Amino acid sequence: MEGRVKVYRELFWTKSSRLVIQFLRYVVVGGIAFLFDFGFLYLFTGIMNIHYLVSAALAFLIGLTVNYLLSIFWVFDKRTMENQMAEFLIFAVIGLVGLGLNEGFLWFFTGFIGLYFMYSKLISTFFVLIWNFSARKLFLFR
């Protein structure tokens, strides 16, 4: 019983330097950030009638901010940079590269190969998740 409590505590509550714990937490954080991004996109465009391109940019920034905050407080146990503005800027650039990769994968698998766009999104999500986690771990949270 004590072993389970220790695993539970490490998985959910205490800071952990274990890569597998950080990755599992990052997957959860990514899902939460996606819900914010998706939800605000709907709110801004579907309810407030803001143009979808403006809404998408605003919602992306909100999701990125949620991802950053949860990552520094819950996912990663060490920070490489002391300047939080510089850290967030690098975090955002990594996210923008991920967004570019996502668009590229969607174009390639759907536009070029002809795969159903939802399947393309699943493939893309896997690779972008690996990119975002690896780059953020390497450059910001080692």
Protein backbone atom coordinates (compact mmCIF):
# COMPACT_ATOMS: atom_id res chain seq x y z
CA MET A 1 0.00 0.00 0.00
CA GLU A 2 2.81 2.40 0.86
CA GLY A 3 4.36 1.85 -2.60
CA ARG A 4 1.12 2.86 -4.32
CA VAL A 5 0.88 6.04 -2.26
CA LYS A 6 4.45 6.92 -3.21
CA VAL A 7 3.74 6.38 -6.93
CA TYR A 8 0.47 8.32 -6.67
CA ARG A 9 2.21 11.19 -4.87
CA GLU A 10 5.01 11.31 -7.46
CA LEU A 11 2.62 11.10 -10.39
CA PHE A 12 0.21 13.79 -9.23
CA TRP A 13 1.58 15.96 -6.42
CA THR A 14 5.33 16.25 -5.96
CA LYS A 15 7.92 17.58 -8.39
CA SER A 16 9.57 14.77 -10.32
CA SER A 17 12.72 14.60 -12.40
CA ARG A 18 11.69 11.24 -13.88
CA LEU A 19 11.23 11.60 -17.63
CA VAL A 20 8.26 9.21 -17.81
CA ILE A 21 6.40 11.12 -15.08
CA GLN A 22 7.12 14.44 -16.78
CA PHE A 23 5.96 13.08 -20.14
CA LEU A 24 2.70 11.70 -18.69
CA ARG A 25 2.03 15.03 -16.99
CA TYR A 26 2.87 16.87 -20.21
CA VAL A 27 0.28 14.81 -22.09
CA VAL A 28 -2.35 15.83 -19.51
CA VAL A 29 -1.25 19.48 -19.67
CA GLY A 30 -1.39 19.39 -23.47
CA GLY A 31 -4.95 18.08 -23.32
CA ILE A 32 -5.99 20.81 -20.90
CA ALA A 33 -4.32 23.49 -23.05
CA PHE A 34 -6.10 22.07 -26.12
CA LEU A 35 -9.45 22.36 -24.33
CA PHE A 36 -8.74 26.02 -23.54
CA ASP A 37 -7.63 26.68 -27.13
CA PHE A 38 -10.63 24.89 -28.63
CA GLY A 39 -13.11 26.35 -26.14
CA PHE A 40 -11.97 29.94 -26.59
CA LEU A 41 -11.95 29.53 -30.37
CA TYR A 42 -15.61 28.50 -30.16
CA LEU A 43 -16.42 31.29 -27.69
CA PHE A 44 -14.75 34.01 -29.75
CA THR A 45 -16.07 32.91 -33.15
CA GLY A 46 -19.24 30.95 -32.43
CA ILE A 47 -20.67 33.20 -29.73
CA MET A 48 -18.92 36.57 -30.00
CA ASN A 49 -18.73 36.53 -33.84
CA ILE A 50 -15.05 37.46 -34.00
CA HIS A 51 -13.40 36.49 -37.30
CA TYR A 52 -12.10 32.96 -37.02
CA LEU A 53 -8.49 33.85 -37.90
CA VAL A 54 -8.36 36.45 -35.12
CA SER A 55 -10.11 34.02 -32.77
CA ALA A 56 -7.67 31.24 -33.63
CA ALA A 57 -4.69 33.45 -32.81
CA LEU A 58 -6.17 34.61 -29.51
CA ALA A 59 -7.26 31.10 -28.52
CA PHE A 60 -3.82 29.73 -29.43
CA LEU A 61 -2.18 32.32 -27.14
CA ILE A 62 -4.52 31.40 -24.29
CA GLY A 63 -3.81 27.68 -24.76
CA LEU A 64 -0.08 28.39 -24.94
CA THR A 65 -0.22 30.39 -21.70
CA VAL A 66 -2.14 27.62 -19.93
CA ASN A 67 0.40 25.09 -21.20
CA TYR A 68 3.31 27.24 -20.00
CA LEU A 69 1.90 27.84 -16.53
CA LEU A 70 0.99 24.21 -15.94
CA SER A 71 4.36 23.09 -17.30
CA ILE A 72 6.38 25.25 -14.94
CA PHE A 73 4.23 24.49 -11.90
CA TRP A 74 3.44 20.80 -12.45
CA VAL A 75 5.35 19.08 -15.26
CA PHE A 76 9.01 20.06 -15.09
CA ASP A 77 11.04 20.16 -11.89
CA LYS A 78 13.96 22.29 -13.14
CA ARG A 79 14.15 25.50 -15.12
CA THR A 80 17.11 26.45 -17.29
CA MET A 81 16.44 30.19 -17.48
CA GLU A 82 15.96 32.75 -14.75
CA ASN A 83 14.34 35.38 -16.99
CA GLN A 84 10.69 34.30 -17.21
CA MET A 85 9.88 36.55 -20.19
CA ALA A 86 12.74 35.04 -22.21
CA GLU A 87 11.66 31.59 -21.05
CA PHE A 88 8.08 32.20 -22.18
CA LEU A 89 9.30 33.58 -25.53
CA ILE A 90 11.32 30.41 -26.19
CA PHE A 91 8.37 28.32 -24.98
CA ALA A 92 6.15 30.18 -27.47
CA VAL A 93 8.61 29.79 -30.35
CA ILE A 94 8.75 26.05 -29.72
CA GLY A 95 4.92 26.04 -29.74
CA LEU A 96 4.84 27.98 -33.01
CA VAL A 97 7.24 25.47 -34.58
CA GLY A 98 4.87 22.76 -33.34
CA LEU A 99 1.97 24.60 -34.96
CA GLY A 100 3.94 24.76 -38.22
CA LEU A 101 4.71 21.05 -38.00
CA ASN A 102 1.02 20.36 -37.38
CA GLU A 103 0.02 22.31 -40.49
CA GLY A 104 2.72 20.59 -42.54
CA PHE A 105 1.68 17.11 -41.44
CA LEU A 106 -1.99 17.90 -42.11
CA TRP A 107 -1.17 19.22 -45.58
CA PHE A 108 1.06 16.25 -46.39
CA PHE A 109 -1.18 13.47 -45.14
CA THR A 110 -4.51 14.99 -46.25
CA GLY A 111 -3.67 17.31 -49.13
CA PHE A 112 -0.92 15.23 -50.71
CA ILE A 113 -1.58 11.62 -49.65
CA GLY A 114 -5.39 11.95 -49.45
CA LEU A 115 -5.81 10.61 -45.91
CA TYR A 116 -8.94 11.64 -43.99
CA PHE A 117 -8.08 14.86 -42.12
CA MET A 118 -8.96 13.45 -38.67
CA TYR A 119 -6.50 10.58 -39.19
CA SER A 120 -3.91 13.12 -40.31
CA LYS A 121 -4.54 15.10 -37.14
CA LEU A 122 -3.94 12.00 -35.00
CA ILE A 123 -0.63 11.32 -36.74
CA SER A 124 0.35 14.96 -36.47
CA THR A 125 -0.58 15.17 -32.79
CA PHE A 126 1.80 12.33 -31.95
CA PHE A 127 4.78 13.95 -33.70
CA VAL A 128 4.03 17.47 -32.46
CA LEU A 129 3.66 16.20 -28.89
CA ILE A 130 7.09 14.56 -29.12
CA TRP A 131 8.58 17.76 -30.63
CA ASN A 132 7.07 20.10 -28.06
CA PHE A 133 8.00 17.96 -25.06
CA SER A 134 11.53 17.21 -26.28
CA ALA A 135 12.35 20.78 -27.27
CA ARG A 136 10.94 22.26 -24.07
CA LYS A 137 12.73 19.67 -21.95
CA LEU A 138 16.03 20.24 -23.79
CA PHE A 139 15.99 24.04 -24.03
CA LEU A 140 14.00 25.15 -21.00
CA PHE A 141 13.59 22.52 -18.31
CA ARG A 142 16.71 20.34 -18.07
